[in-house]
Amino acid sequence: MTTTATQTARTYTLCDGAVLDLQGLDDEQRAYLEAAYRRAWPAINEEDAGKSRRRCEWGDFFNDVVGSKGSNPLLRATQGFVTREIYDHPFFQALSDLATRLGMRQGLLKRPRGKRWLVDPFADEFAPVSEIASRKSVTVKAVHKAIDRGDLVTVTGVLDGAGPKSGLLVSARSAKAWAPKRVKAAS
């Protein structure tokens, strides 16, 4: 099951491949992130930097979504000051990442190698724990430990496809970013 609508998105993948869990966002934050995405994403996908700037100018977007003069709901309580708690919040991280992608498209920020920064950050799939264990060549127990540590994003739900499956589902993107530690077998 692929999730692309930001209102129902459970994850956001940053340019560096790290995956944010968006399930704790409130309705106002979700609506704000949705509006920011609708504003920036067409400009990020515009190959010509000049056309991208005409669609959505980076400086204005940055100031609106993460600057002290914008309407970011997370910054209201601090009158626009970004504290460590705000900086670490998945909502702020996702908005900052959108601004970064826009700046890269417009040639104002250095682009990383590859095209990962052009992939829709909200697109994700969810798979059962056993499937993730198989993909990563680890045990189901190892996946559960990673979930407990917060290394993997999960949801409880039903997955359609080759037959209905229900229970704990793992974000495929968070699983891709997860590097399990290999343990040598005792001799």
C-alpha atoms as a PDB file:
ATOM      1  CA  MET A   1       0.000   0.000   0.000  1.00  0.00           C
ATOM      2  CA  THR A   2       1.590   3.256  -1.080  1.00  0.00           C
ATOM      3  CA  THR A   3       0.859   6.467   0.803  1.00  0.00           C
ATOM      4  CA  THR A   4       1.372   9.734  -1.045  1.00  0.00           C
ATOM      5  CA  ALA A   5      -1.242  12.135   0.338  1.00  0.00           C
ATOM      6  CA  THR A   6       0.270  14.186   3.132  1.00  0.00           C
ATOM      7  CA  GLN A   7      -2.956  14.149   5.151  1.00  0.00           C
ATOM      8  CA  THR A   8      -2.679  10.385   5.534  1.00  0.00           C
ATOM      9  CA  ALA A   9       1.102  10.103   5.313  1.00  0.00           C
ATOM     10  CA  ARG A  10       2.683   8.371   8.235  1.00  0.00           C
ATOM     11  CA  THR A  11       6.286   8.990   7.230  1.00  0.00           C
ATOM     12  CA  TYR A  12       8.455  11.606   5.566  1.00  0.00           C
ATOM     13  CA  THR A  13      11.831  10.701   4.058  1.00  0.00           C
ATOM     14  CA  LEU A  14      14.510  13.370   4.336  1.00  0.00           C
ATOM     15  CA  CYS A  15      17.044  14.071   1.571  1.00  0.00           C
ATOM     16  CA  ASP A  16      19.628  12.046   3.484  1.00  0.00           C
ATOM     17  CA  GLY A  17      17.346   8.997   3.612  1.00  0.00           C
ATOM     18  CA  ALA A  18      16.378   9.278   7.284  1.00  0.00           C
ATOM     19  CA  VAL A  19      12.695   8.576   7.845  1.00  0.00           C
ATOM     20  CA  LEU A  20      10.513  10.720  10.101  1.00  0.00           C
ATOM     21  CA  ASP A  21       7.462   9.339  11.908  1.00  0.00           C
ATOM     22  CA  LEU A  22       4.587  11.793  11.305  1.00  0.00           C
ATOM     23  CA  GLN A  23       1.946   9.944  13.321  1.00  0.00           C
ATOM     24  CA  GLY A  24       2.277  12.355  16.270  1.00  0.00           C
ATOM     25  CA  LEU A  25       1.409  15.473  14.245  1.00  0.00           C
ATOM     26  CA  ASP A  26      -1.824  17.210  15.183  1.00  0.00           C
ATOM     27  CA  ASP A  27      -4.449  18.296  12.624  1.00  0.00           C
ATOM     28  CA  GLU A  28      -3.123  21.862  12.385  1.00  0.00           C
ATOM     29  CA  GLN A  29       0.434  20.667  11.758  1.00  0.00           C
ATOM     30  CA  ARG A  30      -0.772  18.173   9.115  1.00  0.00           C
ATOM     31  CA  ALA A  31      -2.759  20.893   7.321  1.00  0.00           C
ATOM     32  CA  TYR A  32       0.212  23.280   7.430  1.00  0.00           C
ATOM     33  CA  LEU A  33       2.605  20.635   6.105  1.00  0.00           C
ATOM     34  CA  GLU A  34       0.095  19.761   3.361  1.00  0.00           C
ATOM     35  CA  ALA A  35      -0.111  23.419   2.270  1.00  0.00           C
ATOM     36  CA  ALA A  36       3.686  23.809   2.323  1.00  0.00           C
ATOM     37  CA  TYR A  37       4.087  20.642   0.258  1.00  0.00           C
ATOM     38  CA  ARG A  38       1.475  21.758  -2.308  1.00  0.00           C
ATOM     39  CA  ARG A  39       3.302  25.077  -2.595  1.00  0.00           C
ATOM     40  CA  ALA A  40       6.874  23.742  -2.857  1.00  0.00           C
ATOM     41  CA  TRP A  41       6.660  20.345  -4.558  1.00  0.00           C
ATOM     42  CA  PRO A  42       5.710  21.592  -8.067  1.00  0.00           C
ATOM     43  CA  ALA A  43       8.654  24.007  -7.938  1.00  0.00           C
ATOM     44  CA  ILE A  44      10.990  21.251  -6.709  1.00  0.00           C
ATOM     45  CA  ASN A  45       9.949  19.112  -9.684  1.00  0.00           C
ATOM     46  CA  GLU A  46      10.537  21.977 -12.132  1.00  0.00           C
ATOM     47  CA  GLU A  47      13.835  21.263 -13.913  1.00  0.00           C
ATOM     48  CA  ASP A  48      14.521  24.876 -14.896  1.00  0.00           C
ATOM     49  CA  ALA A  49      15.745  26.893 -11.874  1.00  0.00           C
ATOM     50  CA  GLY A  50      14.223  30.133 -13.210  1.00  0.00           C
ATOM     51  CA  LYS A  51      10.805  28.547 -13.671  1.00  0.00           C
ATOM     52  CA  SER A  52      11.133  26.973 -10.237  1.00  0.00           C
ATOM     53  CA  ARG A  53      11.784  30.411  -8.689  1.00  0.00           C
ATOM     54  CA  ARG A  54       8.734  31.842 -10.456  1.00  0.00           C
ATOM     55  CA  ARG A  55       6.593  29.024  -9.038  1.00  0.00           C
ATOM     56  CA  CYS A  56       7.864  29.362  -5.461  1.00  0.00           C
ATOM     57  CA  GLU A  57      10.805  31.550  -4.446  1.00  0.00           C
ATOM     58  CA  TRP A  58      13.082  29.799  -1.938  1.00  0.00           C
ATOM     59  CA  GLY A  59      13.713  32.768   0.397  1.00  0.00           C
ATOM     60  CA  ASP A  60      10.015  33.530   0.775  1.00  0.00           C
ATOM     61  CA  PHE A  61       9.163  29.868   1.310  1.00  0.00           C
ATOM     62  CA  PHE A  62      11.956  29.389   3.865  1.00  0.00           C
ATOM     63  CA  ASN A  63      10.929  32.479   5.842  1.00  0.00           C
ATOM     64  CA  ASP A  64       7.269  31.451   5.775  1.00  0.00           C
ATOM     65  CA  VAL A  65       7.707  27.871   6.950  1.00  0.00           C
ATOM     66  CA  VAL A  66      10.748  27.875   9.249  1.00  0.00           C
ATOM     67  CA  GLY A  67      11.556  31.549   9.773  1.00  0.00           C
ATOM     68  CA  SER A  68      10.555  33.660  12.747  1.00  0.00           C
ATOM     69  CA  LYS A  69       8.126  35.798  10.717  1.00  0.00           C
ATOM     70  CA  GLY A  70       6.162  32.878   9.256  1.00  0.00           C
ATOM     71  CA  SER A  71       2.967  31.233  10.428  1.00  0.00           C
ATOM     72  CA  ASN A  72       4.474  27.900  11.496  1.00  0.00           C
ATOM     73  CA  PRO A  73       2.202  26.659  14.321  1.00  0.00           C
ATOM     74  CA  LEU A  74       5.114  25.065  16.186  1.00  0.00           C
ATOM     75  CA  LEU A  75       6.918  28.421  16.442  1.00  0.00           C
ATOM     76  CA  ARG A  76       3.972  30.346  17.933  1.00  0.00           C
ATOM     77  CA  ALA A  77       4.753  29.419  21.524  1.00  0.00           C
ATOM     78  CA  THR A  78       8.336  30.667  21.211  1.00  0.00           C
ATOM     79  CA  GLN A  79       7.516  33.798  19.170  1.00  0.00           C
ATOM     80  CA  GLY A  80       9.488  32.374  16.257  1.00  0.00           C
ATOM     81  CA  PHE A  81      12.567  31.163  18.124  1.00  0.00           C
ATOM     82  CA  VAL A  82      13.759  27.705  17.181  1.00  0.00           C
ATOM     83  CA  THR A  83      14.612  25.757  20.316  1.00  0.00           C
ATOM     84  CA  ARG A  84      16.329  22.341  20.332  1.00  0.00           C
ATOM     85  CA  GLU A  85      12.923  20.735  20.997  1.00  0.00           C
ATOM     86  CA  ILE A  86      11.391  22.473  17.974  1.00  0.00           C
ATOM     87  CA  TYR A  87      14.389  21.732  15.752  1.00  0.00           C
ATOM     88  CA  ASP A  88      14.170  18.020  16.598  1.00  0.00           C
ATOM     89  CA  HIS A  89      10.389  17.842  16.005  1.00  0.00           C
ATOM     90  CA  PRO A  90       9.424  15.789  12.894  1.00  0.00           C
ATOM     91  CA  PHE A  91       7.119  18.602  11.717  1.00  0.00           C
ATOM     92  CA  PHE A  92       9.937  21.167  11.728  1.00  0.00           C
ATOM     93  CA  GLN A  93      12.374  18.667  10.187  1.00  0.00           C
ATOM     94  CA  ALA A  94       9.968  17.946   7.303  1.00  0.00           C
ATOM     95  CA  LEU A  95       9.393  21.660   6.623  1.00  0.00           C
ATOM     96  CA  SER A  96      13.145  22.365   6.743  1.00  0.00           C
ATOM     97  CA  ASP A  97      13.737  19.498   4.332  1.00  0.00           C
ATOM     98  CA  LEU A  98      11.151  20.853   1.874  1.00  0.00           C
ATOM     99  CA  ALA A  99      12.902  24.236   2.019  1.00  0.00           C
ATOM    100  CA  THR A 100      16.263  22.539   1.470  1.00  0.00           C
ATOM    101  CA  ARG A 101      14.982  20.635  -1.579  1.00  0.00           C
ATOM    102  CA  LEU A 102      13.584  23.857  -3.029  1.00  0.00           C
ATOM    103  CA  GLY A 103      16.907  25.655  -2.464  1.00  0.00           C
ATOM    104  CA  MET A 104      18.775  22.806  -4.167  1.00  0.00           C
ATOM    105  CA  ARG A 105      16.433  22.888  -7.177  1.00  0.00           C
ATOM    106  CA  GLN A 106      16.951  26.622  -7.549  1.00  0.00           C
ATOM    107  CA  GLY A 107      20.747  26.278  -7.357  1.00  0.00           C
ATOM    108  CA  LEU A 108      21.041  28.110  -4.042  1.00  0.00           C
ATOM    109  CA  LEU A 109      22.109  25.094  -1.986  1.00  0.00           C
ATOM    110  CA  LYS A 110      24.518  22.314  -2.887  1.00  0.00           C
ATOM    111  CA  ARG A 111      22.819  19.192  -4.200  1.00  0.00           C
ATOM    112  CA  PRO A 112      23.793  15.764  -2.934  1.00  0.00           C
ATOM    113  CA  ARG A 113      24.898  13.098  -5.378  1.00  0.00           C
ATOM    114  CA  GLY A 114      22.112  11.190  -7.029  1.00  0.00           C
ATOM    115  CA  LYS A 115      18.448  12.029  -7.370  1.00  0.00           C
ATOM    116  CA  ARG A 116      17.083  10.872  -3.990  1.00  0.00           C
ATOM    117  CA  TRP A 117      16.205  14.470  -3.133  1.00  0.00           C
ATOM    118  CA  LEU A 118      13.739  14.455  -6.060  1.00  0.00           C
ATOM    119  CA  VAL A 119      11.768  11.442  -4.786  1.00  0.00           C
ATOM    120  CA  ASP A 120       8.420  12.269  -3.193  1.00  0.00           C
ATOM    121  CA  PRO A 121       9.200  12.398   0.542  1.00  0.00           C
ATOM    122  CA  PHE A 122       5.721  11.159   1.466  1.00  0.00           C
ATOM    123  CA  ALA A 123       5.707   8.036  -0.716  1.00  0.00           C
ATOM    124  CA  ASP A 124       6.102   4.916   1.394  1.00  0.00           C
ATOM    125  CA  GLU A 125       4.946   1.338   1.614  1.00  0.00           C
ATOM    126  CA  PHE A 126       4.267  -0.776   4.671  1.00  0.00           C
ATOM    127  CA  ALA A 127       5.046  -4.459   5.095  1.00  0.00           C
ATOM    128  CA  PRO A 128       4.608  -7.070   7.829  1.00  0.00           C
ATOM    129  CA  VAL A 129       7.435  -7.537  10.326  1.00  0.00           C
ATOM    130  CA  SER A 130       8.212 -10.990   8.910  1.00  0.00           C
ATOM    131  CA  GLU A 131       8.670  -9.570   5.411  1.00  0.00           C
ATOM    132  CA  ILE A 132      11.025  -6.859   6.666  1.00  0.00           C
ATOM    133  CA  ALA A 133      13.005  -9.516   8.537  1.00  0.00           C
ATOM    134  CA  SER A 134      13.295 -11.520   5.323  1.00  0.00           C
ATOM    135  CA  ARG A 135      14.322  -8.471   3.264  1.00  0.00           C
ATOM    136  CA  LYS A 136      17.038  -7.539   5.759  1.00  0.00           C
ATOM    137  CA  SER A 137      18.124 -11.157   6.409  1.00  0.00           C
ATOM    138  CA  VAL A 138      17.532 -10.852  10.148  1.00  0.00           C
ATOM    139  CA  THR A 139      15.206 -12.496  12.628  1.00  0.00           C
ATOM    140  CA  VAL A 140      11.741 -11.231  13.474  1.00  0.00           C
ATOM    141  CA  LYS A 141      13.080 -10.664  16.999  1.00  0.00           C
ATOM    142  CA  ALA A 142      15.786  -8.353  15.606  1.00  0.00           C
ATOM    143  CA  VAL A 143      13.114  -6.320  13.791  1.00  0.00           C
ATOM    144  CA  HIS A 144      11.069  -6.021  17.001  1.00  0.00           C
ATOM    145  CA  LYS A 145      14.147  -4.829  18.892  1.00  0.00           C
ATOM    146  CA  ALA A 146      14.743  -2.188  16.195  1.00  0.00           C
ATOM    147  CA  ILE A 147      11.108  -1.111  16.539  1.00  0.00           C
ATOM    148  CA  ASP A 148      11.509  -0.830  20.316  1.00  0.00           C
ATOM    149  CA  ARG A 149      14.637   1.338  19.852  1.00  0.00           C
ATOM    150  CA  GLY A 150      12.767   3.607  17.427  1.00  0.00           C
ATOM    151  CA  ASP A 151      14.885   2.591  14.434  1.00  0.00           C
ATOM    152  CA  LEU A 152      11.827   1.563  12.419  1.00  0.00           C
ATOM    153  CA  VAL A 153       8.505   3.366  11.888  1.00  0.00           C
ATOM    154  CA  THR A 154       5.446   1.172  12.364  1.00  0.00           C
ATOM    155  CA  VAL A 155       1.684   1.309  12.101  1.00  0.00           C
ATOM    156  CA  THR A 156      -1.009  -1.117  13.106  1.00  0.00           C
ATOM    157  CA  GLY A 157      -3.308  -1.866  10.232  1.00  0.00           C
ATOM    158  CA  VAL A 158      -4.431  -4.086   7.441  1.00  0.00           C
ATOM    159  CA  LEU A 159      -2.353  -4.677   4.321  1.00  0.00           C
ATOM    160  CA  ASP A 160      -4.053  -5.791   1.136  1.00  0.00           C
ATOM    161  CA  GLY A 161      -2.316  -7.573  -1.687  1.00  0.00           C
ATOM    162  CA  ALA A 162      -1.692 -11.308  -1.785  1.00  0.00           C
ATOM    163  CA  GLY A 163      -4.359 -11.691   0.863  1.00  0.00           C
ATOM    164  CA  PRO A 164      -5.306  -9.591   3.849  1.00  0.00           C
ATOM    165  CA  LYS A 165      -2.687  -9.324   6.563  1.00  0.00           C
ATOM    166  CA  SER A 166      -3.193  -7.440   9.762  1.00  0.00           C
ATOM    167  CA  GLY A 167      -1.090  -6.430  12.695  1.00  0.00           C
ATOM    168  CA  LEU A 168       2.113  -4.474  13.002  1.00  0.00           C
ATOM    169  CA  LEU A 169       3.365  -3.055   9.704  1.00  0.00           C
ATOM    170  CA  VAL A 170       6.795  -1.503   9.115  1.00  0.00           C
ATOM    171  CA  SER A 171       7.626   1.429   6.855  1.00  0.00           C
ATOM    172  CA  ALA A 172       9.625   0.104   3.908  1.00  0.00           C
ATOM    173  CA  ARG A 173      11.599   3.352   3.736  1.00  0.00           C
ATOM    174  CA  SER A 174      12.558   3.203   7.399  1.00  0.00           C
ATOM    175  CA  ALA A 175      13.572  -0.442   6.871  1.00  0.00           C
ATOM    176  CA  LYS A 176      15.698   0.545   3.889  1.00  0.00           C
ATOM    177  CA  ALA A 177      17.479   3.177   5.990  1.00  0.00           C
ATOM    178  CA  TRP A 178      17.957   0.746   8.891  1.00  0.00           C
ATOM    179  CA  ALA A 179      21.358  -0.943   9.055  1.00  0.00           C
ATOM    180  CA  PRO A 180      21.064  -3.900  11.421  1.00  0.00           C
ATOM    181  CA  LYS A 181      24.169  -4.813  13.373  1.00  0.00           C
ATOM    182  CA  ARG A 182      25.434  -8.218  12.389  1.00  0.00           C
ATOM    183  CA  VAL A 183      26.352 -10.491  15.262  1.00  0.00           C
ATOM    184  CA  LYS A 184      28.903 -13.253  14.813  1.00  0.00           C
ATOM    185  CA  ALA A 185      27.740 -16.668  15.829  1.00  0.00           C
ATOM    186  CA  ALA A 186      29.561 -18.176  18.796  1.00  0.00           C
ATOM    187  CA  SER A 187      32.088 -20.816  17.789  1.00  0.00           C
END
